[in-house]
Every structure is written in structure tokens, then in C-alpha cells.
Amino acid sequence: MPFYYYRSKMCFYIWIHKKYRQPYIGIVEGKCISHPDLLQENRARMKILLLDPEKDLPVEKIGEIVKEVMKHYK
């Protein structure tokens, strides 16, 4: 599973959702982020952003989420 780090801390990862069979971006400290497109599911700490493989990446939405996440790593 590819993880992306910020300041030596796990921040994001990319994986495939077993149920929906779609790629997603996982946010490690997702519990601290409030965004309508993030799913908590049965995760205690992480939230995910499902990505539609048939469409372009939602760059603006990802940027908003990244900015929120970076606030928690300072």
C-alpha cells in the first residue's frame, strides 16, 4: 500500500475499496477533517475519498482536503 508522508508522519495512502471496487485516497487523520465527500465507514481514525476511475481526478476537492489535513500536521 503506497503511503505518503509529511514531516515523517503518515498522511495519505491510495488503495482500492473492496466493496465498491473503486480507487480511493485514504486520509490517516481523517477523523479531524470535516468534508462532505469523505467517508468514515468502520474506521476509527481514517476517512476516505472515493475516486471515479471513469472521470478526471477532482483536483480542487483534493486540494481543499489536503489543505485541511496539513493544518493538523504543523
PDB file of N, CA and C in Angstrom:
ATOM      1  N   MET A   1       0.850  -1.160   0.000  1.00  0.00           N
ATOM      2  CA  MET A   1       0.000   0.000   0.000  1.00  0.00           C
ATOM      3  C   MET A   1       0.906   1.237   0.000  1.00  0.00           C
ATOM      4  N   PRO A   2       0.798   2.090  -1.017  1.00  0.00           N
ATOM      5  CA  PRO A   2       1.648   3.284  -1.069  1.00  0.00           C
ATOM      6  C   PRO A   2       1.169   4.359  -0.084  1.00  0.00           C
ATOM      7  N   PHE A   3       2.043   4.743   0.839  1.00  0.00           N
ATOM      8  CA  PHE A   3       1.751   5.799   1.809  1.00  0.00           C
ATOM      9  C   PHE A   3       2.519   7.056   1.430  1.00  0.00           C
ATOM     10  N   TYR A   4       1.935   8.182   1.724  1.00  0.00           N
ATOM     11  CA  TYR A   4       2.580   9.473   1.515  1.00  0.00           C
ATOM     12  C   TYR A   4       2.762  10.111   2.887  1.00  0.00           C
ATOM     13  N   TYR A   5       3.971  10.590   3.136  1.00  0.00           N
ATOM     14  CA  TYR A   5       4.349  11.125   4.432  1.00  0.00           C
ATOM     15  C   TYR A   5       4.518  12.635   4.358  1.00  0.00           C
ATOM     16  N   TYR A   6       4.278  13.280   5.482  1.00  0.00           N
ATOM     17  CA  TYR A   6       4.550  14.700   5.634  1.00  0.00           C
ATOM     18  C   TYR A   6       5.207  14.873   6.995  1.00  0.00           C
ATOM     19  N   ARG A   7       6.400  15.448   7.003  1.00  0.00           N
ATOM     20  CA  ARG A   7       7.170  15.623   8.235  1.00  0.00           C
ATOM     21  C   ARG A   7       7.337  14.304   8.992  1.00  0.00           C
ATOM     22  N   SER A   8       7.655  13.280   8.254  1.00  0.00           N
ATOM     23  CA  SER A   8       7.913  11.937   8.782  1.00  0.00           C
ATOM     24  C   SER A   8       6.696  11.270   9.418  1.00  0.00           C
ATOM     25  N   LYS A   9       5.496  11.739   9.118  1.00  0.00           N
ATOM     26  CA  LYS A   9       4.273  11.127   9.633  1.00  0.00           C
ATOM     27  C   LYS A   9       3.403  10.683   8.470  1.00  0.00           C
ATOM     28  N   MET A  10       2.778   9.517   8.630  1.00  0.00           N
ATOM     29  CA  MET A  10       1.880   9.025   7.598  1.00  0.00           C
ATOM     30  C   MET A  10       0.723  10.007   7.424  1.00  0.00           C
ATOM     31  N   CYS A  11       0.425  10.309   6.184  1.00  0.00           N
ATOM     32  CA  CYS A  11      -0.570  11.327   5.914  1.00  0.00           C
ATOM     33  C   CYS A  11      -1.691  10.803   5.010  1.00  0.00           C
ATOM     34  N   PHE A  12      -1.328  10.271   3.843  1.00  0.00           N
ATOM     35  CA  PHE A  12      -2.285   9.779   2.853  1.00  0.00           C
ATOM     36  C   PHE A  12      -1.850   8.418   2.331  1.00  0.00           C
ATOM     37  N   TYR A  13      -2.796   7.690   1.769  1.00  0.00           N
ATOM     38  CA  TYR A  13      -2.470   6.456   1.058  1.00  0.00           C
ATOM     39  C   TYR A  13      -3.486   6.246  -0.057  1.00  0.00           C
ATOM     40  N   ILE A  14      -3.142   5.391  -0.981  1.00  0.00           N
ATOM     41  CA  ILE A  14      -4.019   5.080  -2.110  1.00  0.00           C
ATOM     42  C   ILE A  14      -4.302   3.589  -2.083  1.00  0.00           C
ATOM     43  N   TRP A  15      -5.560   3.219  -2.272  1.00  0.00           N
ATOM     44  CA  TRP A  15      -5.933   1.805  -2.256  1.00  0.00           C
ATOM     45  C   TRP A  15      -7.211   1.614  -3.050  1.00  0.00           C
ATOM     46  N   ILE A  16      -7.661   0.381  -3.156  1.00  0.00           N
ATOM     47  CA  ILE A  16      -8.898   0.034  -3.851  1.00  0.00           C
ATOM     48  C   ILE A  16      -9.923  -0.427  -2.816  1.00  0.00           C
ATOM     49  N   HIS A  17     -11.119   0.137  -2.889  1.00  0.00           N
ATOM     50  CA  HIS A  17     -12.191  -0.226  -1.962  1.00  0.00           C
ATOM     51  C   HIS A  17     -12.715  -1.606  -2.350  1.00  0.00           C
ATOM     52  N   LYS A  18     -12.772  -2.517  -1.402  1.00  0.00           N
ATOM     53  CA  LYS A  18     -13.197  -3.893  -1.697  1.00  0.00           C
ATOM     54  C   LYS A  18     -14.662  -3.960  -2.119  1.00  0.00           C
ATOM     55  N   LYS A  19     -15.516  -3.228  -1.437  1.00  0.00           N
ATOM     56  CA  LYS A  19     -16.948  -3.293  -1.716  1.00  0.00           C
ATOM     57  C   LYS A  19     -17.312  -2.578  -3.019  1.00  0.00           C
ATOM     58  N   TYR A  20     -16.808  -1.351  -3.196  1.00  0.00           N
ATOM     59  CA  TYR A  20     -17.166  -0.538  -4.368  1.00  0.00           C
ATOM     60  C   TYR A  20     -16.254  -0.776  -5.563  1.00  0.00           C
ATOM     61  N   ARG A  21     -15.121  -1.416  -5.322  1.00  0.00           N
ATOM     62  CA  ARG A  21     -14.128  -1.683  -6.371  1.00  0.00           C
ATOM     63  C   ARG A  21     -13.707  -0.398  -7.087  1.00  0.00           C
ATOM     64  N   GLN A  22     -13.493   0.633  -6.288  1.00  0.00           N
ATOM     65  CA  GLN A  22     -13.036   1.922  -6.797  1.00  0.00           C
ATOM     66  C   GLN A  22     -11.772   2.329  -6.045  1.00  0.00           C
ATOM     67  N   PRO A  23     -10.893   3.045  -6.727  1.00  0.00           N
ATOM     68  CA  PRO A  23      -9.726   3.559  -6.016  1.00  0.00           C
ATOM     69  C   PRO A  23     -10.161   4.653  -5.044  1.00  0.00           C
ATOM     70  N   TYR A  24      -9.362   4.827  -3.986  1.00  0.00           N
ATOM     71  CA  TYR A  24      -9.656   5.907  -3.059  1.00  0.00           C
ATOM     72  C   TYR A  24      -8.372   6.446  -2.462  1.00  0.00           C
ATOM     73  N   ILE A  25      -8.477   7.666  -1.957  1.00  0.00           N
ATOM     74  CA  ILE A  25      -7.396   8.275  -1.197  1.00  0.00           C
ATOM     75  C   ILE A  25      -7.790   8.175   0.266  1.00  0.00           C
ATOM     76  N   GLY A  26      -6.950   7.559   1.054  1.00  0.00           N
ATOM     77  CA  GLY A  26      -7.192   7.446   2.483  1.00  0.00           C
ATOM     78  C   GLY A  26      -6.466   8.554   3.221  1.00  0.00           C
ATOM     79  N   ILE A  27      -7.162   9.176   4.156  1.00  0.00           N
ATOM     80  CA  ILE A  27      -6.583  10.237   4.964  1.00  0.00           C
ATOM     81  C   ILE A  27      -6.394   9.681   6.369  1.00  0.00           C
ATOM     82  N   VAL A  28      -5.145   9.597   6.810  1.00  0.00           N
ATOM     83  CA  VAL A  28      -4.836   8.953   8.081  1.00  0.00           C
ATOM     84  C   VAL A  28      -5.514   9.671   9.246  1.00  0.00           C
ATOM     85  N   GLU A  29      -5.422  10.981   9.323  1.00  0.00           N
ATOM     86  CA  GLU A  29      -6.065  11.739  10.402  1.00  0.00           C
ATOM     87  C   GLU A  29      -7.418  12.276   9.945  1.00  0.00           C
ATOM     88  N   GLY A  30      -8.152  11.480   9.224  1.00  0.00           N
ATOM     89  CA  GLY A  30      -9.441  11.883   8.674  1.00  0.00           C
ATOM     90  C   GLY A  30     -10.479  12.239   9.722  1.00  0.00           C
ATOM     91  N   LYS A  31     -10.364  11.671  10.908  1.00  0.00           N
ATOM     92  CA  LYS A  31     -11.340  11.960  11.969  1.00  0.00           C
ATOM     93  C   LYS A  31     -11.348  13.441  12.327  1.00  0.00           C
ATOM     94  N   CYS A  32     -10.252  14.139  12.039  1.00  0.00           N
ATOM     95  CA  CYS A  32     -10.136  15.565  12.351  1.00  0.00           C
ATOM     96  C   CYS A  32     -10.637  16.457  11.221  1.00  0.00           C
ATOM     97  N   ILE A  33     -10.980  15.863  10.085  1.00  0.00           N
ATOM     98  CA  ILE A  33     -11.380  16.628   8.905  1.00  0.00           C
ATOM     99  C   ILE A  33     -12.880  16.495   8.692  1.00  0.00           C
ATOM    100  N   SER A  34     -13.512  17.622   8.430  1.00  0.00           N
ATOM    101  CA  SER A  34     -14.935  17.617   8.137  1.00  0.00           C
ATOM    102  C   SER A  34     -15.137  18.043   6.684  1.00  0.00           C
ATOM    103  N   HIS A  35     -15.429  17.084   5.825  1.00  0.00           N
ATOM    104  CA  HIS A  35     -15.685  17.356   4.409  1.00  0.00           C
ATOM    105  C   HIS A  35     -16.808  16.428   3.975  1.00  0.00           C
ATOM    106  N   PRO A  36     -17.796  16.940   3.242  1.00  0.00           N
ATOM    107  CA  PRO A  36     -18.967  16.125   2.896  1.00  0.00           C
ATOM    108  C   PRO A  36     -18.676  14.905   2.024  1.00  0.00           C
ATOM    109  N   ASP A  37     -17.570  14.908   1.293  1.00  0.00           N
ATOM    110  CA  ASP A  37     -17.265  13.787   0.402  1.00  0.00           C
ATOM    111  C   ASP A  37     -16.394  12.709   1.039  1.00  0.00           C
ATOM    112  N   LEU A  38     -15.990  12.910   2.271  1.00  0.00           N
ATOM    113  CA  LEU A  38     -15.171  11.911   2.957  1.00  0.00           C
ATOM    114  C   LEU A  38     -16.066  10.897   3.664  1.00  0.00           C
ATOM    115  N   LEU A  39     -15.697   9.633   3.557  1.00  0.00           N
ATOM    116  CA  LEU A  39     -16.446   8.547   4.197  1.00  0.00           C
ATOM    117  C   LEU A  39     -15.664   8.009   5.387  1.00  0.00           C
ATOM    118  N   GLN A  40     -16.345   7.837   6.507  1.00  0.00           N
ATOM    119  CA  GLN A  40     -15.716   7.290   7.717  1.00  0.00           C
ATOM    120  C   GLN A  40     -15.799   5.766   7.719  1.00  0.00           C
ATOM    121  N   GLU A  41     -16.939   5.232   7.336  1.00  0.00           N
ATOM    122  CA  GLU A  41     -17.236   3.803   7.373  1.00  0.00           C
ATOM    123  C   GLU A  41     -16.938   3.241   8.764  1.00  0.00           C
ATOM    124  N   ASN A  42     -16.286   2.111   8.855  1.00  0.00           N
ATOM    125  CA  ASN A  42     -16.000   1.485  10.150  1.00  0.00           C
ATOM    126  C   ASN A  42     -14.587   1.788  10.642  1.00  0.00           C
ATOM    127  N   ARG A  43     -14.044   2.880  10.167  1.00  0.00           N
ATOM    128  CA  ARG A  43     -12.687   3.253  10.559  1.00  0.00           C
ATOM    129  C   ARG A  43     -12.741   4.210  11.748  1.00  0.00           C
ATOM    130  N   ALA A  44     -11.861   4.025  12.704  1.00  0.00           N
ATOM    131  CA  ALA A  44     -11.834   4.884  13.887  1.00  0.00           C
ATOM    132  C   ALA A  44     -11.062   6.177  13.623  1.00  0.00           C
ATOM    133  N   ARG A  45     -10.018   6.090  12.853  1.00  0.00           N
ATOM    134  CA  ARG A  45      -9.111   7.223  12.673  1.00  0.00           C
ATOM    135  C   ARG A  45      -9.136   7.786  11.258  1.00  0.00           C
ATOM    136  N   MET A  46      -9.353   6.967  10.277  1.00  0.00           N
ATOM    137  CA  MET A  46      -9.191   7.358   8.883  1.00  0.00           C
ATOM    138  C   MET A  46     -10.528   7.619   8.201  1.00  0.00           C
ATOM    139  N   LYS A  47     -10.457   8.452   7.162  1.00  0.00           N
ATOM    140  CA  LYS A  47     -11.578   8.661   6.259  1.00  0.00           C
ATOM    141  C   LYS A  47     -11.045   8.486   4.852  1.00  0.00           C
ATOM    142  N   ILE A  48     -11.967   8.243   3.912  1.00  0.00           N
ATOM    143  CA  ILE A  48     -11.538   8.019   2.535  1.00  0.00           C
ATOM    144  C   ILE A  48     -12.303   8.924   1.578  1.00  0.00           C
ATOM    145  N   LEU A  49     -11.682   9.197   0.441  1.00  0.00           N
ATOM    146  CA  LEU A  49     -12.298   9.924  -0.658  1.00  0.00           C
ATOM    147  C   LEU A  49     -12.331   8.973  -1.845  1.00  0.00           C
ATOM    148  N   LEU A  50     -13.529   8.480  -2.178  1.00  0.00           N
ATOM    149  CA  LEU A  50     -13.665   7.582  -3.325  1.00  0.00           C
ATOM    150  C   LEU A  50     -13.412   8.343  -4.614  1.00  0.00           C
ATOM    151  N   LEU A  51     -12.746   7.695  -5.564  1.00  0.00           N
ATOM    152  CA  LEU A  51     -12.435   8.294  -6.851  1.00  0.00           C
ATOM    153  C   LEU A  51     -13.107   7.484  -7.957  1.00  0.00           C
ATOM    154  N   ASP A  52     -13.723   8.166  -8.888  1.00  0.00           N
ATOM    155  CA  ASP A  52     -14.362   7.503 -10.022  1.00  0.00           C
ATOM    156  C   ASP A  52     -13.302   7.297 -11.101  1.00  0.00           C
ATOM    157  N   PRO A  53     -12.959   6.037 -11.418  1.00  0.00           N
ATOM    158  CA  PRO A  53     -11.903   5.782 -12.404  1.00  0.00           C
ATOM    159  C   PRO A  53     -12.284   6.194 -13.821  1.00  0.00           C
ATOM    160  N   GLU A  54     -13.559   6.454 -14.056  1.00  0.00           N
ATOM    161  CA  GLU A  54     -14.032   6.851 -15.381  1.00  0.00           C
ATOM    162  C   GLU A  54     -13.971   8.367 -15.593  1.00  0.00           C
ATOM    163  N   LYS A  55     -13.668   9.116 -14.540  1.00  0.00           N
ATOM    164  CA  LYS A  55     -13.643  10.576 -14.620  1.00  0.00           C
ATOM    165  C   LYS A  55     -12.268  11.112 -14.245  1.00  0.00           C
ATOM    166  N   ASP A  56     -12.047  12.391 -14.568  1.00  0.00           N
ATOM    167  CA  ASP A  56     -10.813  13.052 -14.162  1.00  0.00           C
ATOM    168  C   ASP A  56     -10.783  13.183 -12.645  1.00  0.00           C
ATOM    169  N   LEU A  57      -9.588  13.273 -12.103  1.00  0.00           N
ATOM    170  CA  LEU A  57      -9.450  13.462 -10.656  1.00  0.00           C
ATOM    171  C   LEU A  57     -10.046  14.804 -10.241  1.00  0.00           C
ATOM    172  N   PRO A  58     -10.749  14.842  -9.120  1.00  0.00           N
ATOM    173  CA  PRO A  58     -11.302  16.109  -8.624  1.00  0.00           C
ATOM    174  C   PRO A  58     -10.203  16.919  -7.932  1.00  0.00           C
ATOM    175  N   VAL A  59      -9.373  17.568  -8.717  1.00  0.00           N
ATOM    176  CA  VAL A  59      -8.171  18.231  -8.225  1.00  0.00           C
ATOM    177  C   VAL A  59      -8.503  19.303  -7.186  1.00  0.00           C
ATOM    178  N   GLU A  60      -9.522  20.106  -7.427  1.00  0.00           N
ATOM    179  CA  GLU A  60      -9.865  21.169  -6.481  1.00  0.00           C
ATOM    180  C   GLU A  60     -10.311  20.578  -5.140  1.00  0.00           C
ATOM    181  N   LYS A  61     -11.117  19.541  -5.197  1.00  0.00           N
ATOM    182  CA  LYS A  61     -11.607  18.892  -3.981  1.00  0.00           C
ATOM    183  C   LYS A  61     -10.442  18.275  -3.205  1.00  0.00           C
ATOM    184  N   ILE A  62      -9.546  17.612  -3.906  1.00  0.00           N
ATOM    185  CA  ILE A  62      -8.373  17.015  -3.264  1.00  0.00           C
ATOM    186  C   ILE A  62      -7.519  18.116  -2.634  1.00  0.00           C
ATOM    187  N   GLY A  63      -7.369  19.233  -3.334  1.00  0.00           N
ATOM    188  CA  GLY A  63      -6.595  20.354  -2.799  1.00  0.00           C
ATOM    189  C   GLY A  63      -7.185  20.903  -1.517  1.00  0.00           C
ATOM    190  N   GLU A  64      -8.507  21.033  -1.463  1.00  0.00           N
ATOM    191  CA  GLU A  64      -9.182  21.507  -0.250  1.00  0.00           C
ATOM    192  C   GLU A  64      -8.908  20.567   0.925  1.00  0.00           C
ATOM    193  N   ILE A  65      -9.028  19.283   0.659  1.00  0.00           N
ATOM    194  CA  ILE A  65      -8.819  18.289   1.708  1.00  0.00           C
ATOM    195  C   ILE A  65      -7.367  18.290   2.175  1.00  0.00           C
ATOM    196  N   VAL A  66      -6.433  18.388   1.245  1.00  0.00           N
ATOM    197  CA  VAL A  66      -5.011  18.409   1.607  1.00  0.00           C
ATOM    198  C   VAL A  66      -4.708  19.613   2.499  1.00  0.00           C
ATOM    199  N   LYS A  67      -5.265  20.769   2.159  1.00  0.00           N
ATOM    200  CA  LYS A  67      -5.047  21.963   2.989  1.00  0.00           C
ATOM    201  C   LYS A  67      -5.559  21.753   4.405  1.00  0.00           C
ATOM    202  N   GLU A  68      -6.724  21.147   4.540  1.00  0.00           N
ATOM    203  CA  GLU A  68      -7.269  20.871   5.865  1.00  0.00           C
ATOM    204  C   GLU A  68      -6.397  19.889   6.636  1.00  0.00           C
ATOM    205  N   VAL A  69      -5.926  18.868   5.954  1.00  0.00           N
ATOM    206  CA  VAL A  69      -5.083  17.869   6.604  1.00  0.00           C
ATOM    207  C   VAL A  69      -3.758  18.489   7.074  1.00  0.00           C
ATOM    208  N   MET A  70      -3.169  19.340   6.252  1.00  0.00           N
ATOM    209  CA  MET A  70      -1.875  19.944   6.604  1.00  0.00           C
ATOM    210  C   MET A  70      -1.975  20.787   7.877  1.00  0.00           C
ATOM    211  N   LYS A  71      -3.132  21.332   8.166  1.00  0.00           N
ATOM    212  CA  LYS A  71      -3.307  22.122   9.391  1.00  0.00           C
ATOM    213  C   LYS A  71      -3.083  21.273  10.642  1.00  0.00           C
ATOM    214  N   HIS A  72      -3.339  19.977  10.535  1.00  0.00           N
ATOM    215  CA  HIS A  72      -3.207  19.075  11.683  1.00  0.00           C
ATOM    216  C   HIS A  72      -1.805  18.498  11.839  1.00  0.00           C
ATOM    217  N   TYR A  73      -0.928  18.796  10.903  1.00  0.00           N
ATOM    218  CA  TYR A  73       0.432  18.255  10.959  1.00  0.00           C
ATOM    219  C   TYR A  73       1.481  19.325  11.290  1.00  0.00           C
ATOM    220  N   LYS A  74       1.053  20.508  11.655  1.00  0.00           N
ATOM    221  CA  LYS A  74       2.029  21.575  11.954  1.00  0.00           C
ATOM    222  C   LYS A  74       2.405  21.604  13.399  1.00  0.00           C
TER     223      LYS A  74
END
